[in-house]
Amino acid sequence: MRLSRTLALSLATLAAFTMVGCSSAETPAKADAQASSFCPNGELKFGIEPFEDPSKLEPAYNVLAAALGKELNCKVEVQVVEDYAAEVLSMRNGKLDIGQFGPMGYVFASTKANAEPLVSFGTADGKLSSYTAGIWVPKDSPIKSIDDLRGKDLALGSVGSTSGDVLPRFGLKKAGIAEDELNMNYAGGHPEALIALTKGTVDAAQINSQTLASAQEAGNFDPANFRQVWESEAIPNDPITVSADANPAFKSAVKDALLNLAPADIEAVGKFLDVSPAGGMVEVSKETYSPLFDLASTMGLTEDDI
């Protein structure tokens, strides 16, 4: 009888462990099933415009993507695309699930790829962050204002860039300066425009506040040796978007996950966007960027301009 009782207890214990094991095994399965609704192909593609050297952007965005993936229970892969137009095309063709655009890039992504803004980068006090476009010259330059740029060489960033192209050109237009009255050239990006100025190969260059902050921190630019002759009004920072055609549950999940990210997850990216110290993400909508839609209309911009 004692042996039978022991055997019975052992069988009962084994059954209990088996039930616990089955219960534990169900949890990952449920989680995987939930994740599959967000990641039908096993991962999400997160596109970034190349507003800085990709070798510097990727490590920062990988931190953000890892935190986002943890929130969504899904791998998030960062892709720094070739240029503004490439990101719009990739989202339109369904090759990107999530995309961060510059404000002007978003204007065209909205119309050409049906991009819907979810969130942008917040300050430490919970407000939407912003930045400015600027035109700089050497401190000993005879150029004292934007009016003095006639006949001079001006380095812009890249075609379609909000602060590296459209806003400086808008500043010239407001000043009554026709674009053929000076020599404008595209350096290839914000850092390249700054280098052109510091190397003395141009008379003036656009440097936005984001690039300025990054260059100063890296020791690549000393404002004391240069002078800003024009500055734009504040621009709301880059929106992170998804396709408006995406599953509403997916859009809601991505927005909630982004809003739940800790400032530490965003900090490295925030430094490139002139947001330091970084706060959490803040919700945005199409209306947030209405001044950029107005600017595109005023400048007569089309998809060909990016």
Protein backbone atom coordinates (compact mmCIF):
# COMPACT_ATOMS: atom_id res chain seq x y z
CA MET A 1 0.00 0.00 0.00
CA ARG A 2 2.83 2.40 0.86
CA LEU A 3 4.43 1.81 -2.53
CA SER A 4 1.11 2.36 -4.29
CA ARG A 5 0.52 5.58 -2.37
CA THR A 6 4.01 6.82 -3.25
CA LEU A 7 3.46 5.94 -6.86
CA ALA A 8 0.14 7.75 -6.84
CA LEU A 9 1.73 10.87 -5.36
CA SER A 10 4.51 10.75 -7.92
CA LEU A 11 2.04 10.46 -10.75
CA ALA A 12 0.01 13.34 -9.35
CA THR A 13 3.15 15.48 -9.03
CA LEU A 14 4.20 14.61 -12.57
CA ALA A 15 0.74 15.51 -13.83
CA ALA A 16 0.92 18.85 -12.01
CA PHE A 17 4.28 19.68 -13.55
CA THR A 18 2.99 18.65 -16.95
CA MET A 19 -0.01 20.97 -16.58
CA VAL A 20 2.24 23.83 -15.51
CA GLY A 21 4.51 23.16 -18.47
CA CYS A 22 1.58 23.18 -20.88
CA SER A 23 0.26 26.40 -19.35
CA SER A 24 3.69 28.07 -19.68
CA ALA A 25 4.01 26.91 -23.28
CA GLU A 26 0.73 28.55 -24.16
CA THR A 27 1.91 32.02 -23.12
CA PRO A 28 4.62 32.42 -25.82
CA ALA A 29 2.23 30.93 -28.37
CA LYS A 30 -0.38 33.55 -27.53
CA ALA A 31 2.28 36.27 -27.59
CA ASP A 32 3.54 35.02 -30.96
CA ALA A 33 0.02 34.98 -32.35
CA GLN A 34 -0.51 38.54 -31.12
CA ALA A 35 2.81 39.67 -32.54
CA SER A 36 2.06 38.03 -35.91
CA SER A 37 -0.86 40.41 -36.39
CA PHE A 38 1.68 43.28 -36.30
CA CYS A 39 4.53 41.43 -37.99
CA PRO A 40 3.08 39.19 -40.69
CA ASN A 41 6.55 38.76 -42.22
CA GLY A 42 8.38 38.39 -38.93
CA GLU A 43 9.64 41.96 -38.70
CA LEU A 44 8.76 45.59 -39.37
CA LYS A 45 10.78 47.88 -41.65
CA PHE A 46 11.46 51.35 -40.21
CA GLY A 47 12.70 53.87 -42.78
CA ILE A 48 14.79 56.94 -41.95
CA GLU A 49 15.74 59.80 -44.24
CA PRO A 50 19.52 60.39 -44.43
CA PHE A 51 19.58 63.73 -42.62
CA GLU A 52 22.95 62.82 -41.08
CA ASP A 53 25.78 60.38 -41.86
CA PRO A 54 24.06 56.93 -41.94
CA SER A 55 26.94 55.38 -40.00
CA LYS A 56 26.05 57.71 -37.13
CA LEU A 57 22.28 57.46 -37.50
CA GLU A 58 22.03 53.67 -37.53
CA PRO A 59 23.41 52.99 -34.01
CA ALA A 60 21.11 55.64 -32.53
CA TYR A 61 18.04 54.39 -34.34
CA ASN A 62 18.86 50.78 -33.51
CA VAL A 63 18.42 51.67 -29.83
CA LEU A 64 15.02 53.21 -30.55
CA ALA A 65 14.02 50.30 -32.81
CA ALA A 66 14.98 47.71 -30.19
CA ALA A 67 12.82 49.45 -27.61
CA LEU A 68 9.94 49.73 -30.09
CA GLY A 69 10.30 46.07 -30.99
CA LYS A 70 10.13 45.12 -27.33
CA GLU A 71 6.90 47.07 -26.95
CA LEU A 72 5.39 45.40 -30.03
CA ASN A 73 6.91 41.96 -29.38
CA CYS A 74 8.34 42.14 -32.89
CA LYS A 75 11.69 42.73 -34.55
CA VAL A 76 12.04 46.25 -36.00
CA GLU A 77 14.70 46.70 -38.69
CA VAL A 78 16.10 50.18 -39.36
CA GLN A 79 16.72 51.19 -42.96
CA VAL A 80 18.43 54.51 -43.70
CA VAL A 81 17.22 55.12 -47.24
CA GLU A 82 19.11 56.79 -50.08
CA ASP A 83 17.17 60.06 -50.10
CA TYR A 84 13.79 61.68 -49.52
CA ALA A 85 12.26 60.43 -52.75
CA ALA A 86 13.41 56.87 -52.09
CA GLU A 87 11.60 56.78 -48.76
CA VAL A 88 8.36 58.08 -50.26
CA LEU A 89 8.59 55.47 -53.02
CA SER A 90 9.37 52.66 -50.54
CA MET A 91 6.37 53.51 -48.38
CA ARG A 92 4.10 53.81 -51.42
CA ASN A 93 5.24 50.36 -52.60
CA GLY A 94 4.68 48.79 -49.18
CA LYS A 95 8.38 48.18 -48.54
CA LEU A 96 8.33 50.23 -45.33
CA ASP A 97 5.92 49.71 -42.45
CA ILE A 98 7.01 52.79 -40.50
CA GLY A 99 8.76 55.89 -41.79
CA GLN A 100 10.27 58.99 -40.25
CA PHE A 101 10.19 61.91 -42.66
CA GLY A 102 11.48 65.44 -42.55
CA PRO A 103 8.51 67.84 -42.40
CA MET A 104 8.63 68.65 -46.12
CA GLY A 105 9.28 65.03 -47.00
CA TYR A 106 6.14 64.18 -45.05
CA VAL A 107 4.09 66.65 -47.14
CA PHE A 108 4.86 64.62 -50.25
CA ALA A 109 4.67 61.27 -48.46
CA SER A 110 1.19 62.29 -47.34
CA THR A 111 -0.02 62.85 -50.88
CA LYS A 112 2.05 60.24 -52.73
CA ALA A 113 2.27 57.40 -50.20
CA ASN A 114 -0.75 58.16 -47.97
CA ALA A 115 1.56 58.51 -44.96
CA GLU A 116 -0.20 59.26 -41.68
CA PRO A 117 1.75 60.96 -38.86
CA LEU A 118 1.52 59.34 -35.44
CA VAL A 119 4.10 60.94 -33.17
CA SER A 120 7.12 63.21 -33.13
CA PHE A 121 9.91 63.98 -30.70
CA GLY A 122 9.06 65.71 -27.45
CA THR A 123 11.11 67.94 -25.19
CA ALA A 124 11.79 67.11 -21.56
CA ASP A 125 8.75 69.17 -20.54
CA GLY A 126 6.46 67.20 -22.85
CA LYS A 127 6.12 69.70 -25.71
CA LEU A 128 6.64 69.08 -29.41
CA SER A 129 10.24 69.87 -30.33
CA SER A 130 11.20 72.09 -33.26
CA TYR A 131 14.26 73.32 -35.14
CA THR A 132 15.26 76.14 -37.47
CA ALA A 133 16.92 76.54 -40.84
CA GLY A 134 19.79 79.00 -41.13
CA ILE A 135 22.33 80.50 -43.50
CA TRP A 136 25.86 81.05 -42.18
CA VAL A 137 28.95 82.84 -43.45
CA PRO A 138 32.52 83.28 -42.11
CA LYS A 139 32.71 85.97 -39.43
CA ASP A 140 34.92 88.19 -41.62
CA SER A 141 32.64 87.86 -44.66
CA PRO A 142 31.29 91.04 -46.29
CA ILE A 143 27.90 89.29 -46.33
CA LYS A 144 25.94 90.90 -43.48
CA SER A 145 22.41 89.79 -44.35
CA ILE A 146 20.53 87.58 -46.77
CA ASP A 147 20.30 90.58 -49.14
CA ASP A 148 24.07 90.42 -49.64
CA LEU A 149 23.95 86.90 -51.12
CA ARG A 150 23.48 88.14 -54.67
CA GLY A 151 26.35 86.97 -56.82
CA LYS A 152 27.67 84.65 -54.10
CA ASP A 153 28.05 80.86 -53.79
CA LEU A 154 25.49 79.26 -51.46
CA ALA A 155 25.71 75.59 -50.45
CA LEU A 156 22.38 73.91 -49.76
CA GLY A 157 21.93 70.45 -48.26
CA SER A 158 19.99 68.11 -50.53
CA VAL A 159 17.02 68.37 -52.85
CA GLY A 160 13.69 68.29 -51.01
CA SER A 161 15.13 68.89 -47.55
CA THR A 162 12.95 71.16 -45.43
CA SER A 163 15.76 73.14 -43.83
CA GLY A 164 18.47 72.28 -46.33
CA ASP A 165 16.61 73.32 -49.46
CA VAL A 166 13.01 74.61 -49.33
CA LEU A 167 13.24 77.06 -46.42
CA PRO A 168 16.48 78.77 -47.52
CA ARG A 169 14.99 79.18 -51.00
CA PHE A 170 11.82 80.57 -49.43
CA GLY A 171 13.96 83.02 -47.44
CA LEU A 172 15.57 84.20 -50.66
CA LYS A 173 12.17 84.60 -52.30
CA LYS A 174 10.85 86.68 -49.39
CA ALA A 175 13.95 88.86 -49.65
CA GLY A 176 13.21 89.46 -53.33
CA ILE A 177 16.28 87.55 -54.52
CA ALA A 178 15.79 85.46 -57.67
CA GLU A 179 17.55 82.11 -57.60
CA ASP A 180 19.52 82.97 -60.72
CA GLU A 181 21.04 85.97 -58.92
CA LEU A 182 23.37 83.69 -56.97
CA ASN A 183 25.10 80.37 -57.44
CA MET A 184 23.23 77.73 -55.46
CA ASN A 185 24.53 74.18 -55.35
CA TYR A 186 23.56 71.05 -53.42
CA ALA A 187 26.37 69.71 -51.29
CA GLY A 188 24.67 66.33 -50.77
CA GLY A 189 23.42 66.75 -47.21
CA HIS A 190 23.51 68.90 -44.10
CA PRO A 191 26.99 67.79 -42.93
CA GLU A 192 28.40 68.27 -46.44
CA ALA A 193 27.07 71.83 -46.62
CA LEU A 194 28.69 72.62 -43.29
CA ILE A 195 32.00 71.17 -44.48
CA ALA A 196 31.85 73.28 -47.65
CA LEU A 197 31.57 76.38 -45.47
CA THR A 198 34.32 75.42 -43.02
CA LYS A 199 36.66 74.48 -45.89
CA GLY A 200 36.04 77.85 -47.56
CA THR A 201 34.80 76.41 -50.86
CA VAL A 202 31.59 78.50 -50.72
CA ASP A 203 30.67 81.98 -49.52
CA ALA A 204 27.69 80.82 -47.48
CA ALA A 205 25.94 77.61 -46.49
CA GLN A 206 22.72 76.44 -44.93
CA ILE A 207 23.22 74.98 -41.46
CA ASN A 208 20.13 74.07 -39.52
CA SER A 209 20.01 74.05 -35.72
CA GLN A 210 20.12 70.24 -35.62
CA THR A 211 23.32 69.98 -37.65
CA LEU A 212 24.79 72.89 -35.70
CA ALA A 213 24.21 71.14 -32.36
CA SER A 214 25.67 67.84 -33.62
CA ALA A 215 28.72 69.53 -35.16
CA GLN A 216 29.42 71.54 -32.03
CA GLU A 217 29.20 68.47 -29.83
CA ALA A 218 31.59 66.63 -32.15
CA GLY A 219 33.98 69.60 -32.18
CA ASN A 220 33.58 70.13 -35.92
CA PHE A 221 32.17 73.65 -35.82
CA ASP A 222 32.93 76.73 -33.74
CA PRO A 223 30.18 79.34 -34.09
CA ALA A 224 32.61 82.01 -32.93
CA ASN A 225 34.33 81.76 -36.34
CA PHE A 226 31.10 82.21 -38.31
CA ARG A 227 28.00 84.38 -38.40
CA GLN A 228 24.36 83.55 -39.06
CA VAL A 229 22.79 85.97 -41.54
CA TRP A 230 19.34 84.40 -41.82
CA GLU A 231 17.14 82.12 -39.71
CA SER A 232 13.74 80.62 -40.41
CA GLU A 233 10.78 80.38 -38.11
CA ALA A 234 10.57 77.26 -35.96
CA ILE A 235 9.68 74.02 -37.76
CA PRO A 236 7.87 71.15 -35.98
CA ASN A 237 10.20 68.18 -35.78
CA ASP A 238 10.06 65.06 -37.95
CA PRO A 239 6.90 62.94 -37.79
CA ILE A 240 7.02 59.15 -37.54
CA THR A 241 4.38 57.79 -39.88
CA VAL A 242 2.58 54.67 -41.07
CA SER A 243 0.38 54.14 -44.09
CA ALA A 244 -3.12 55.50 -43.56
CA ASP A 245 -4.33 52.30 -45.26
CA ALA A 246 -2.79 50.09 -42.56
CA ASN A 247 -4.93 48.03 -40.21
CA PRO A 248 -6.37 50.40 -37.55
CA ALA A 249 -5.26 47.99 -34.79
CA PHE A 250 -1.72 48.07 -36.18
CA LYS A 251 -1.68 51.88 -36.30
CA SER A 252 -2.98 52.09 -32.76
CA ALA A 253 -0.44 49.56 -31.50
CA VAL A 254 2.50 51.37 -33.13
CA LYS A 255 1.36 54.75 -31.81
CA ASP A 256 0.90 53.40 -28.28
CA ALA A 257 4.28 51.67 -28.40
CA LEU A 258 6.04 54.85 -29.55
CA LEU A 259 4.31 56.93 -26.90
CA ASN A 260 5.41 54.40 -24.26
CA LEU A 261 9.12 54.65 -25.13
CA ALA A 262 11.28 55.96 -22.33
CA PRO A 263 13.36 59.11 -22.93
CA ALA A 264 16.49 56.98 -22.58
CA ASP A 265 15.38 54.99 -25.65
CA ILE A 266 15.06 58.21 -27.66
CA GLU A 267 18.02 60.16 -26.30
CA ALA A 268 20.60 59.13 -28.93
CA VAL A 269 18.27 60.00 -31.81
CA GLY A 270 17.18 63.20 -30.05
CA LYS A 271 20.72 64.55 -30.16
CA PHE A 272 20.66 64.50 -33.97
CA LEU A 273 17.33 66.35 -33.92
CA ASP A 274 18.47 69.08 -31.53
CA VAL A 275 16.31 67.64 -28.74
CA SER A 276 18.43 67.48 -25.61
CA PRO A 277 17.50 66.48 -23.04
CA ALA A 278 14.98 64.32 -24.83
CA GLY A 279 11.50 63.69 -23.54
CA GLY A 280 9.03 61.05 -24.66
CA MET A 281 7.24 61.02 -27.98
CA VAL A 282 4.22 63.30 -28.42
CA GLU A 283 1.18 62.75 -30.61
CA VAL A 284 0.93 64.72 -33.88
CA SER A 285 -1.49 64.90 -36.80
CA LYS A 286 -1.59 66.24 -40.34
CA GLU A 287 -2.75 69.57 -38.95
CA THR A 288 0.53 69.88 -37.01
CA TYR A 289 2.34 70.26 -40.34
CA SER A 290 -0.18 72.50 -42.11
CA PRO A 291 2.39 75.36 -42.39
CA LEU A 292 4.57 73.02 -44.45
CA PHE A 293 1.70 72.20 -46.81
CA ASP A 294 1.18 75.96 -47.20
CA LEU A 295 4.89 76.44 -47.86
CA ALA A 296 4.89 73.76 -50.57
CA SER A 297 1.97 75.50 -52.23
CA THR A 298 3.62 78.93 -51.97
CA MET A 299 6.84 77.62 -53.50
CA GLY A 300 4.95 75.71 -56.20
CA LEU A 301 6.67 72.46 -55.22
CA THR A 302 5.77 69.11 -56.77
CA GLU A 303 6.96 65.53 -56.31
CA ASP A 304 9.67 66.27 -58.88
CA ASP A 305 11.21 68.76 -56.46
CA ILE A 306 12.22 66.01 -54.03
